[in-house]
C-alpha atoms as a PDB file:
ATOM      1  CA  MET A   1      -3.764  -9.602  15.899  1.00  0.00           C
ATOM      2  CA  SER A   2      -2.197 -11.960  18.302  1.00  0.00           C
ATOM      3  CA  GLY A   3       0.376 -10.989  20.687  1.00  0.00           C
ATOM      4  CA  PRO A   4       2.899 -14.161  21.895  1.00  0.00           C
ATOM      5  CA  GLY A   5       0.395 -16.675  24.438  1.00  0.00           C
ATOM      6  CA  TYR A   6      -2.835 -14.692  23.364  1.00  0.00           C
ATOM      7  CA  PRO A   7      -5.081 -17.795  21.330  1.00  0.00           C
ATOM      8  CA  ILE A   8      -6.350 -18.080  18.864  1.00  0.00           C
ATOM      9  CA  VAL A   9      -8.252 -19.252  17.822  1.00  0.00           C
ATOM     10  CA  VAL A  10      -9.919 -21.940  14.104  1.00  0.00           C
ATOM     11  CA  GLY A  11     -13.535 -23.017  13.628  1.00  0.00           C
ATOM     12  CA  THR A  12     -13.407 -26.238  11.189  1.00  0.00           C
ATOM     13  CA  ASP A  13     -15.796 -28.261  10.115  1.00  0.00           C
ATOM     14  CA  GLY A  14     -13.479 -30.890   8.757  1.00  0.00           C
ATOM     15  CA  SER A  15     -13.985 -29.752   5.196  1.00  0.00           C
ATOM     16  CA  PRO A  16     -10.744 -29.430   3.035  1.00  0.00           C
ATOM     17  CA  THR A  17     -10.870 -25.834   3.174  1.00  0.00           C
ATOM     18  CA  ALA A  18     -11.020 -25.907   6.410  1.00  0.00           C
ATOM     19  CA  THR A  19      -8.195 -27.172   6.761  1.00  0.00           C
ATOM     20  CA  ILE A  20      -6.259 -24.569   4.863  1.00  0.00           C
ATOM     21  CA  ALA A  21      -7.439 -22.529   7.403  1.00  0.00           C
ATOM     22  CA  VAL A  22      -6.862 -24.573  10.675  1.00  0.00           C
ATOM     23  CA  ASP A  23      -2.888 -24.898   8.772  1.00  0.00           C
ATOM     24  CA  LYS A  24      -2.659 -21.333   8.823  1.00  0.00           C
ATOM     25  CA  ALA A  25      -3.572 -20.571  12.567  1.00  0.00           C
ATOM     26  CA  GLY A  26      -0.919 -22.699  13.082  1.00  0.00           C
ATOM     27  CA  GLU A  27       1.699 -20.981  11.233  1.00  0.00           C
ATOM     28  CA  LEU A  28       0.117 -18.059  13.096  1.00  0.00           C
ATOM     29  CA  ALA A  29       0.792 -19.770  16.185  1.00  0.00           C
ATOM     30  CA  GLN A  30       4.046 -20.491  15.613  1.00  0.00           C
ATOM     31  CA  ALA A  31       5.379 -17.764  14.599  1.00  0.00           C
ATOM     32  CA  LEU A  32       3.681 -15.690  17.835  1.00  0.00           C
ATOM     33  CA  GLY A  33       4.013 -18.791  20.363  1.00  0.00           C
ATOM     34  CA  ALA A  34       0.836 -18.774  20.975  1.00  0.00           C
ATOM     35  CA  PRO A  35      -2.030 -21.470  21.635  1.00  0.00           C
ATOM     36  CA  VAL A  36      -4.991 -22.799  18.570  1.00  0.00           C
ATOM     37  CA  HIS A  37      -8.145 -23.322  20.331  1.00  0.00           C
ATOM     38  CA  VAL A  38      -9.843 -26.083  17.014  1.00  0.00           C
ATOM     39  CA  VAL A  39     -14.072 -24.720  17.182  1.00  0.00           C
ATOM     40  CA  CYS A  40     -16.292 -27.724  15.787  1.00  0.00           C
ATOM     41  CA  VAL A  41     -19.727 -26.615  16.171  1.00  0.00           C
ATOM     42  CA  PRO A  42     -21.290 -29.882  16.062  1.00  0.00           C
ATOM     43  CA  MET A  43     -24.345 -28.920  13.943  1.00  0.00           C
ATOM     44  CA  ALA A  44     -22.033 -26.759  10.911  1.00  0.00           C
ATOM     45  CA  THR A  45     -20.748 -30.426  10.427  1.00  0.00           C
ATOM     46  CA  PRO A  46     -22.539 -32.984   7.630  1.00  0.00           C
ATOM     47  CA  ALA A  47     -22.935 -36.693   9.354  1.00  0.00           C
ATOM     48  CA  TYR A  48     -23.626 -39.021   7.300  1.00  0.00           C
ATOM     49  CA  GLU A  49     -22.996 -42.043   9.521  1.00  0.00           C
ATOM     50  CA  TRP A  50     -22.902 -40.977  12.542  1.00  0.00           C
ATOM     51  CA  PRO A  51     -24.310 -38.504  14.533  1.00  0.00           C
ATOM     52  CA  ALA A  52     -23.233 -35.073  14.396  1.00  0.00           C
ATOM     53  CA  ARG A  53     -21.290 -35.100  17.949  1.00  0.00           C
ATOM     54  CA  ILE A  54     -19.350 -38.103  16.931  1.00  0.00           C
ATOM     55  CA  THR A  55     -18.349 -36.816  13.775  1.00  0.00           C
ATOM     56  CA  SER A  56     -17.032 -32.926  15.449  1.00  0.00           C
ATOM     57  CA  GLN A  57     -15.476 -35.258  18.423  1.00  0.00           C
ATOM     58  CA  VAL A  58     -13.407 -36.713  15.123  1.00  0.00           C
ATOM     59  CA  VAL A  59     -13.011 -32.908  13.702  1.00  0.00           C
ATOM     60  CA  VAL A  60     -11.311 -31.139  16.374  1.00  0.00           C
ATOM     61  CA  GLU A  61      -9.237 -34.754  17.607  1.00  0.00           C
ATOM     62  CA  LYS A  62      -7.724 -34.678  13.593  1.00  0.00           C
ATOM     63  CA  ALA A  63      -7.104 -31.251  14.207  1.00  0.00           C
ATOM     64  CA  SER A  64      -5.669 -30.686  17.483  1.00  0.00           C
ATOM     65  CA  GLU A  65      -3.126 -33.823  16.216  1.00  0.00           C
ATOM     66  CA  ARG A  66      -2.291 -32.222  12.605  1.00  0.00           C
ATOM     67  CA  LEU A  67      -1.584 -28.822  15.274  1.00  0.00           C
ATOM     68  CA  SER A  68      -0.141 -30.680  18.027  1.00  0.00           C
ATOM     69  CA  SER A  69       2.404 -32.620  15.640  1.00  0.00           C
ATOM     70  CA  ARG A  70       4.218 -29.463  14.949  1.00  0.00           C
ATOM     71  CA  GLY A  71       4.444 -28.101  18.766  1.00  0.00           C
ATOM     72  CA  ILE A  72       1.822 -26.254  19.082  1.00  0.00           C
ATOM     73  CA  THR A  73      -0.687 -26.190  22.035  1.00  0.00           C
ATOM     74  CA  VAL A  74      -3.912 -27.126  20.989  1.00  0.00           C
ATOM     75  CA  HIS A  75      -7.105 -27.011  23.315  1.00  0.00           C
ATOM     76  CA  THR A  76     -10.556 -28.222  21.444  1.00  0.00           C
ATOM     77  CA  HIS A  77     -14.834 -27.007  21.809  1.00  0.00           C
ATOM     78  CA  LEU A  78     -17.348 -28.694  20.570  1.00  0.00           C
ATOM     79  CA  PRO A  79     -19.927 -26.079  21.500  1.00  0.00           C
ATOM     80  CA  GLU A  80     -23.509 -26.341  21.235  1.00  0.00           C
ATOM     81  CA  ASP A  81     -24.471 -24.067  18.251  1.00  0.00           C
ATOM     82  CA  GLN A  82     -28.034 -22.473  19.369  1.00  0.00           C
ATOM     83  CA  GLY A  83     -28.902 -21.158  16.064  1.00  0.00           C
ATOM     84  CA  ASP A  84     -25.800 -20.118  14.613  1.00  0.00           C
ATOM     85  CA  ALA A  85     -22.282 -21.397  14.341  1.00  0.00           C
ATOM     86  CA  ALA A  86     -21.098 -18.302  13.400  1.00  0.00           C
ATOM     87  CA  LEU A  87     -22.703 -17.577  17.744  1.00  0.00           C
ATOM     88  CA  ALA A  88     -21.179 -20.054  18.615  1.00  0.00           C
ATOM     89  CA  LEU A  89     -17.553 -19.452  17.445  1.00  0.00           C
ATOM     90  CA  VAL A  90     -17.425 -16.027  18.445  1.00  0.00           C
ATOM     91  CA  ALA A  91     -18.817 -17.139  22.601  1.00  0.00           C
ATOM     92  CA  VAL A  92     -15.605 -19.122  22.358  1.00  0.00           C
ATOM     93  CA  ALA A  93     -13.390 -16.476  20.570  1.00  0.00           C
ATOM     94  CA  GLU A  94     -14.603 -14.460  23.881  1.00  0.00           C
ATOM     95  CA  SER A  95     -14.493 -16.323  26.255  1.00  0.00           C
ATOM     96  CA  GLU A  96     -11.169 -18.224  25.763  1.00  0.00           C
ATOM     97  CA  GLY A  97      -9.817 -14.192  25.060  1.00  0.00           C
ATOM     98  CA  ALA A  98      -8.968 -14.074  21.972  1.00  0.00           C
ATOM     99  CA  GLN A  99      -7.376 -11.102  19.636  1.00  0.00           C
ATOM    100  CA  THR A 100      -7.696 -13.514  16.790  1.00  0.00           C
ATOM    101  CA  LEU A 101     -10.106 -15.665  15.488  1.00  0.00           C
ATOM    102  CA  VAL A 102      -9.354 -17.267  12.503  1.00  0.00           C
ATOM    103  CA  VAL A 103     -11.711 -18.648   9.782  1.00  0.00           C
ATOM    104  CA  GLY A 104     -11.356 -19.868   5.750  1.00  0.00           C
ATOM    105  CA  ASN A 105     -12.496 -17.528   2.900  1.00  0.00           C
ATOM    106  CA  LYS A 106     -15.143 -21.073   1.383  1.00  0.00           C
ATOM    107  CA  GLY A 107     -17.922 -19.266  -0.278  1.00  0.00           C
ATOM    108  CA  MET A 108     -16.994 -15.885  -1.506  1.00  0.00           C
ATOM    109  CA  THR A 109     -14.912 -17.192  -4.969  1.00  0.00           C
ATOM    110  CA  GLY A 110     -17.147 -19.861  -5.307  1.00  0.00           C
ATOM    111  CA  MET A 111     -19.967 -22.604  -3.485  1.00  0.00           C
ATOM    112  CA  ARG A 112     -21.612 -21.041   0.054  1.00  0.00           C
ATOM    113  CA  ARG A 113     -20.261 -22.793   2.759  1.00  0.00           C
ATOM    114  CA  LEU A 114     -23.436 -26.231   4.173  1.00  0.00           C
ATOM    115  CA  LEU A 115     -24.775 -22.632   6.205  1.00  0.00           C
ATOM    116  CA  GLY A 116     -24.259 -19.994   4.107  1.00  0.00           C
ATOM    117  CA  SER A 117     -22.325 -17.119   4.959  1.00  0.00           C
ATOM    118  CA  PHE A 118     -19.913 -17.543   7.510  1.00  0.00           C
ATOM    119  CA  PRO A 119     -16.862 -15.636   7.211  1.00  0.00           C
ATOM    120  CA  ASN A 120     -19.371 -13.079   6.664  1.00  0.00           C
ATOM    121  CA  ARG A 121     -21.449 -13.191   9.938  1.00  0.00           C
ATOM    122  CA  VAL A 122     -18.007 -14.259  12.426  1.00  0.00           C
ATOM    123  CA  SER A 123     -17.072 -10.688  11.129  1.00  0.00           C
ATOM    124  CA  HIS A 124     -20.027  -8.929  12.132  1.00  0.00           C
ATOM    125  CA  GLN A 125     -20.676 -10.524  15.574  1.00  0.00           C
ATOM    126  CA  ALA A 126     -16.866 -10.505  16.466  1.00  0.00           C
ATOM    127  CA  ARG A 127     -15.364  -7.838  18.902  1.00  0.00           C
ATOM    128  CA  CYS A 128     -11.301  -8.902  17.714  1.00  0.00           C
ATOM    129  CA  ASP A 129     -10.011 -10.031  15.428  1.00  0.00           C
ATOM    130  CA  VAL A 130     -10.522 -12.365  12.294  1.00  0.00           C
ATOM    131  CA  LEU A 131      -7.973 -13.494  10.347  1.00  0.00           C
ATOM    132  CA  ILE A 132     -10.333 -14.936   6.557  1.00  0.00           C
ATOM    133  CA  VAL A 133      -7.347 -17.193   4.991  1.00  0.00           C
ATOM    134  CA  PRO A 134      -8.520 -17.995   1.055  1.00  0.00           C
ATOM    135  CA  THR A 135      -9.053 -21.519   0.424  1.00  0.00           C
ATOM    136  CA  GLN A 136      -9.377 -21.777  -3.667  1.00  0.00           C
ATOM    137  CA  SER A 137      -5.790 -22.786  -3.703  1.00  0.00           C
ATOM    138  CA  GLU A 138      -4.676 -26.486  -1.869  1.00  0.00           C
ATOM    139  CA  SER A 139      -1.825 -25.325  -1.183  1.00  0.00           C
ATOM    140  CA  PRO A 140      -1.739 -21.402  -0.218  1.00  0.00           C
ATOM    141  CA  ALA A 141       1.471 -19.824  -0.018  1.00  0.00           C
ATOM    142  CA  GLU A 142       3.621 -19.750   3.544  1.00  0.00           C
ATOM    143  CA  LEU A 143       2.703 -17.396   6.144  1.00  0.00           C
ATOM    144  CA  ALA A 144       6.127 -17.777   7.602  1.00  0.00           C
ATOM    145  CA  GLY A 145       9.218 -15.025   5.051  1.00  0.00           C
ATOM    146  CA  GLY A 146       5.981 -13.454   2.512  1.00  0.00           C
ATOM    147  CA  ALA A 147       4.925  -9.328   2.860  1.00  0.00           C
ATOM    148  CA  VAL A 148       2.787  -7.865   4.997  1.00  0.00           C
ATOM    149  CA  VAL A 149       0.616  -5.446   2.914  1.00  0.00           C
ATOM    150  CA  VAL A 150      -1.164  -3.046   5.201  1.00  0.00           C
ATOM    151  CA  GLY A 151      -3.428   0.148   4.764  1.00  0.00           C
ATOM    152  CA  THR A 152      -3.426   3.097   6.155  1.00  0.00           C
ATOM    153  CA  ASP A 153      -5.254   6.640   6.191  1.00  0.00           C
ATOM    154  CA  GLY A 154      -3.094   8.499   9.930  1.00  0.00           C
ATOM    155  CA  SER A 155      -6.655   7.366  11.663  1.00  0.00           C
ATOM    156  CA  SER A 156      -6.525   5.752  15.226  1.00  0.00           C
ATOM    157  CA  GLY A 157      -8.255   2.731  13.670  1.00  0.00           C
ATOM    158  CA  ALA A 158      -5.835   2.348  10.339  1.00  0.00           C
ATOM    159  CA  THR A 159      -2.994   3.056  13.704  1.00  0.00           C
ATOM    160  CA  LEU A 160      -4.445  -0.030  15.066  1.00  0.00           C
ATOM    161  CA  ALA A 161      -4.281  -1.800  12.193  1.00  0.00           C
ATOM    162  CA  VAL A 162      -0.736  -0.777  11.331  1.00  0.00           C
ATOM    163  CA  THR A 163       0.583  -1.917  14.829  1.00  0.00           C
ATOM    164  CA  GLU A 164      -0.534  -5.418  13.960  1.00  0.00           C
ATOM    165  CA  ALA A 165       1.133  -5.050  10.164  1.00  0.00           C
ATOM    166  CA  ILE A 166       4.222  -4.381  12.718  1.00  0.00           C
ATOM    167  CA  ARG A 167       3.892  -7.363  14.798  1.00  0.00           C
ATOM    168  CA  LEU A 168       2.857  -9.204  12.198  1.00  0.00           C
ATOM    169  CA  ALA A 169       5.606  -8.417   9.977  1.00  0.00           C
ATOM    170  CA  GLN A 170       7.946  -9.206  13.047  1.00  0.00           C
ATOM    171  CA  ALA A 171       6.653 -11.850  13.702  1.00  0.00           C
ATOM    172  CA  LEU A 172       7.025 -13.632  10.071  1.00  0.00           C
ATOM    173  CA  GLY A 173      10.218 -11.597   8.606  1.00  0.00           C
ATOM    174  CA  GLY A 174       8.763 -10.557   5.730  1.00  0.00           C
ATOM    175  CA  GLU A 175       8.701  -7.047   4.572  1.00  0.00           C
ATOM    176  CA  LEU A 176       6.637  -4.520   5.856  1.00  0.00           C
ATOM    177  CA  HIS A 177       3.967  -2.588   3.068  1.00  0.00           C
ATOM    178  CA  VAL A 178       2.628   0.752   4.264  1.00  0.00           C
ATOM    179  CA  VAL A 179      -0.426   1.890   1.687  1.00  0.00           C
ATOM    180  CA  SER A 180      -1.836   4.978   2.458  1.00  0.00           C
ATOM    181  CA  VAL A 181      -5.060   6.116  -0.668  1.00  0.00           C
ATOM    182  CA  ALA A 182      -6.261   9.256  -0.208  1.00  0.00           C
ATOM    183  CA  LYS A 183      -9.039  11.213  -1.403  1.00  0.00           C
ATOM    184  CA  PRO A 184      -9.231  13.399  -4.281  1.00  0.00           C
ATOM    185  CA  SER A 185      -8.551  16.877  -2.244  1.00  0.00           C
ATOM    186  CA  ASP A 186      -5.803  14.702   0.488  1.00  0.00           C
ATOM    187  CA  ALA A 187      -2.506  13.853   0.071  1.00  0.00           C
ATOM    188  CA  PRO A 188      -1.620  10.589   1.839  1.00  0.00           C
ATOM    189  CA  GLU A 189       2.226  11.383   3.176  1.00  0.00           C
ATOM    190  CA  THR A 190       1.367  12.195   6.956  1.00  0.00           C
ATOM    191  CA  ALA A 191       0.070   9.137   7.302  1.00  0.00           C
ATOM    192  CA  LEU A 192       2.804   6.976   5.500  1.00  0.00           C
ATOM    193  CA  ALA A 193       5.379   9.279   7.826  1.00  0.00           C
ATOM    194  CA  THR A 194       3.754   8.481  10.686  1.00  0.00           C
ATOM    195  CA  ALA A 195       3.237   4.102  10.486  1.00  0.00           C
ATOM    196  CA  ALA A 196       7.038   4.439   8.958  1.00  0.00           C
ATOM    197  CA  ALA A 197       8.077   6.265  11.900  1.00  0.00           C
ATOM    198  CA  GLU A 198       5.827   3.914  14.267  1.00  0.00           C
ATOM    199  CA  ALA A 199       7.461   0.896  12.329  1.00  0.00           C
ATOM    200  CA  ALA A 200      11.129   2.375  12.771  1.00  0.00           C
ATOM    201  CA  ASP A 201      11.029   2.862  16.641  1.00  0.00           C
ATOM    202  CA  ARG A 202       9.740  -1.196  15.949  1.00  0.00           C
ATOM    203  CA  GLY A 203      12.988  -2.089  13.891  1.00  0.00           C
ATOM    204  CA  ILE A 204      11.404  -2.525  10.793  1.00  0.00           C
ATOM    205  CA  LYS A 205      11.876  -0.635   7.588  1.00  0.00           C
ATOM    206  CA  ALA A 206       7.902  -0.115   6.414  1.00  0.00           C
ATOM    207  CA  ILE A 207       7.861   0.151   2.835  1.00  0.00           C
ATOM    208  CA  THR A 208       5.761   2.791   1.880  1.00  0.00           C
ATOM    209  CA  HIS A 209       2.864   3.451  -1.266  1.00  0.00           C
ATOM    210  CA  ALA A 210       1.420   6.508  -1.293  1.00  0.00           C
ATOM    211  CA  ARG A 211      -1.606   6.385  -4.370  1.00  0.00           C
ATOM    212  CA  GLN A 212      -4.538   7.880  -6.033  1.00  0.00           C
ATOM    213  CA  GLY A 213      -8.057   5.348  -6.750  1.00  0.00           C
ATOM    214  CA  ASP A 214     -10.324   3.179  -5.392  1.00  0.00           C
ATOM    215  CA  PRO A 215      -8.467   2.053  -2.088  1.00  0.00           C
ATOM    216  CA  ALA A 216      -9.164  -1.626  -2.489  1.00  0.00           C
ATOM    217  CA  ASP A 217      -7.624  -1.821  -6.063  1.00  0.00           C
ATOM    218  CA  GLU A 218      -4.564  -0.016  -4.896  1.00  0.00           C
ATOM    219  CA  LEU A 219      -3.728  -2.146  -1.727  1.00  0.00           C
ATOM    220  CA  LEU A 220      -4.246  -5.569  -4.167  1.00  0.00           C
ATOM    221  CA  ASP A 221      -2.515  -4.220  -6.647  1.00  0.00           C
ATOM    222  CA  VAL A 222       0.213  -3.408  -3.788  1.00  0.00           C
ATOM    223  CA  ALA A 223      -0.533  -7.451  -1.974  1.00  0.00           C
ATOM    224  CA  ASP A 224       0.198  -8.754  -5.728  1.00  0.00           C
ATOM    225  CA  GLN A 225       2.987  -6.850  -6.984  1.00  0.00           C
ATOM    226  CA  HIS A 226       5.452  -8.165  -3.448  1.00  0.00           C
ATOM    227  CA  SER A 227       2.942 -11.652  -3.276  1.00  0.00           C
ATOM    228  CA  ALA A 228       1.505 -10.581  -0.311  1.00  0.00           C
ATOM    229  CA  ALA A 229       0.675 -13.719   2.636  1.00  0.00           C
ATOM    230  CA  ILE A 230      -1.881 -11.407   4.707  1.00  0.00           C
ATOM    231  CA  LEU A 231      -3.784  -7.655   3.568  1.00  0.00           C
ATOM    232  CA  VAL A 232      -4.047  -5.643   7.143  1.00  0.00           C
ATOM    233  CA  VAL A 233      -7.647  -3.628   7.085  1.00  0.00           C
ATOM    234  CA  GLY A 234      -8.985  -2.080  10.034  1.00  0.00           C
ATOM    235  CA  SER A 235     -12.541  -2.950  11.076  1.00  0.00           C
ATOM    236  CA  LYS A 236     -14.515   0.122  11.955  1.00  0.00           C
ATOM    237  CA  GLY A 237     -17.371   0.375   9.438  1.00  0.00           C
ATOM    238  CA  MET A 238     -18.387  -3.408  10.563  1.00  0.00           C
ATOM    239  CA  HIS A 239     -19.759  -2.757  14.186  1.00  0.00           C
ATOM    240  CA  SER A 240     -22.363   0.464  13.192  1.00  0.00           C
ATOM    241  CA  ASP A 241     -23.572   2.376  10.248  1.00  0.00           C
ATOM    242  CA  ASP A 242     -19.869   4.165   9.442  1.00  0.00           C
ATOM    243  CA  ARG A 243     -19.012   3.438   5.601  1.00  0.00           C
ATOM    244  CA  GLU A 244     -16.079   3.447   3.684  1.00  0.00           C
ATOM    245  CA  TRP A 245     -16.102   6.019   1.445  1.00  0.00           C
ATOM    246  CA  LEU A 246     -15.678   4.375  -1.772  1.00  0.00           C
ATOM    247  CA  GLY A 247     -16.829   0.955  -0.623  1.00  0.00           C
ATOM    248  CA  ASN A 248     -16.533  -2.038   1.480  1.00  0.00           C
ATOM    249  CA  ILE A 249     -12.664  -2.111   1.477  1.00  0.00           C
ATOM    250  CA  PRO A 250     -12.314  -6.168   3.321  1.00  0.00           C
ATOM    251  CA  ASP A 251     -15.332  -7.131   1.473  1.00  0.00           C
ATOM    252  CA  LYS A 252     -13.746  -6.583  -2.333  1.00  0.00           C
ATOM    253  CA  ILE A 253     -10.371  -7.837  -0.748  1.00  0.00           C
ATOM    254  CA  SER A 254     -11.434 -11.060  -0.318  1.00  0.00           C
ATOM    255  CA  HIS A 255     -13.517 -11.631  -3.390  1.00  0.00           C
ATOM    256  CA  LYS A 256     -10.564 -10.154  -5.731  1.00  0.00           C
ATOM    257  CA  GLY A 257      -7.283 -11.151  -3.614  1.00  0.00           C
ATOM    258  CA  GLY A 258      -5.455 -14.582  -2.783  1.00  0.00           C
ATOM    259  CA  SER A 259      -3.991 -12.964   0.474  1.00  0.00           C
ATOM    260  CA  SER A 260      -4.981 -13.418   4.086  1.00  0.00           C
ATOM    261  CA  VAL A 261      -7.033 -10.865   4.762  1.00  0.00           C
ATOM    262  CA  LEU A 262      -6.786 -10.196   8.450  1.00  0.00           C
ATOM    263  CA  ILE A 263      -9.504  -7.625  10.384  1.00  0.00           C
ATOM    264  CA  VAL A 264      -8.611  -6.170  12.616  1.00  0.00           C
ATOM    265  CA  PHE A 265     -11.210  -4.673  15.138  1.00  0.00           C
ATOM    266  CA  THR A 266     -11.134  -1.550  15.621  1.00  0.00           C
ATOM    267  CA  SER A 267     -14.909  -0.383  16.992  1.00  0.00           C
ATOM    268  CA  ASP A 268     -13.690   1.248  19.968  1.00  0.00           C
ATOM    269  CA  ALA A 269     -10.487   2.751  19.295  1.00  0.00           C
ATOM    270  CA  ALA A 270     -11.490   4.409  15.937  1.00  0.00           C
ATOM    271  CA  GLY A 271     -14.920   6.470  17.443  1.00  0.00           C
ATOM    272  CA  SER A 272     -15.897   9.298  15.300  1.00  0.00           C
ATOM    273  CA  ASP A 273     -12.919   9.001  13.148  1.00  0.00           C
ATOM    274  CA  GLY A 274     -13.242   9.771   9.788  1.00  0.00           C
ATOM    275  CA  GLY A 275     -10.969   7.027   7.073  1.00  0.00           C
ATOM    276  CA  VAL A 276      -9.975   5.669   3.556  1.00  0.00           C
ATOM    277  CA  VAL A 277      -8.859   2.963   4.743  1.00  0.00           C
ATOM    278  CA  SER A 278      -9.616   2.185   7.824  1.00  0.00           C
ATOM    279  CA  GLU A 279     -13.843   2.565   7.209  1.00  0.00           C
ATOM    280  CA  VAL A 280     -15.327  -0.768   6.538  1.00  0.00           C
ATOM    281  CA  THR A 281     -17.213  -3.470   6.392  1.00  0.00           C
ATOM    282  CA  ALA A 282     -16.747  -6.953   7.074  1.00  0.00           C
ATOM    283  CA  ALA A 283     -16.286  -9.319   4.207  1.00  0.00           C
ATOM    284  CA  GLU A 284     -19.002 -11.842   2.935  1.00  0.00           C
ATOM    285  CA  ALA A 285     -17.806 -15.344   2.796  1.00  0.00           C
ATOM    286  CA  GLY A 286     -19.532 -18.046   2.981  1.00  0.00           C
END
């Protein structure tokens, strides 16, 4: 997740659901003091009357006005997709040094996006954190003051996810809930104690939850109980052949849950660590 000043990149096609993602990027930017880069790939927008590039220019101008009115610094981009809008969006994130890329989850719970499984492709290709915003509701809950839920198993990748969750809880002013779901032969208390100690060092009280069962289901249960604004997991498995022992956690969470899902980029740090929550693949969307 972005620290203060680090850019946030958000993709939009001008649709109502994409506007929700733009608004969430704005909320995050306000909390972190970060600029927002709004990206619209011309070939990803339906140009019914105007040429695609003109339509896209209107889209980014409207998004820029929407965010600028809240005091947010905004930059706009109209990249060529060169056959894949997801790659074009990821390329902007890389060129701008973004640590967070925001997309809506349309297609996960309903009709597919124009270009198919867009968030899925972004999550697989991005070398930064990816925030997937639920767009089913026309008025999703505000991020500010909302609880942050993070899963950990104590591995290096999961530790990065915990660190980012702590930053979010500080920035948003919400509760921090740390969940560890053990394999049948393991105990989760050590990972929870380590995470709680890190949070305490940063002035945050962590509420810990030791669970047994399916990791995705347990994370969703804690998130539902505490009306979480953001659910945080690590990305290990997205950029390799690693797989989490009970399935694809972000995929399950993004399909079933009502919280935004932050997939923290952990591949460089995770190495060969084993893990329960951190070994995940990207959330499939469309």
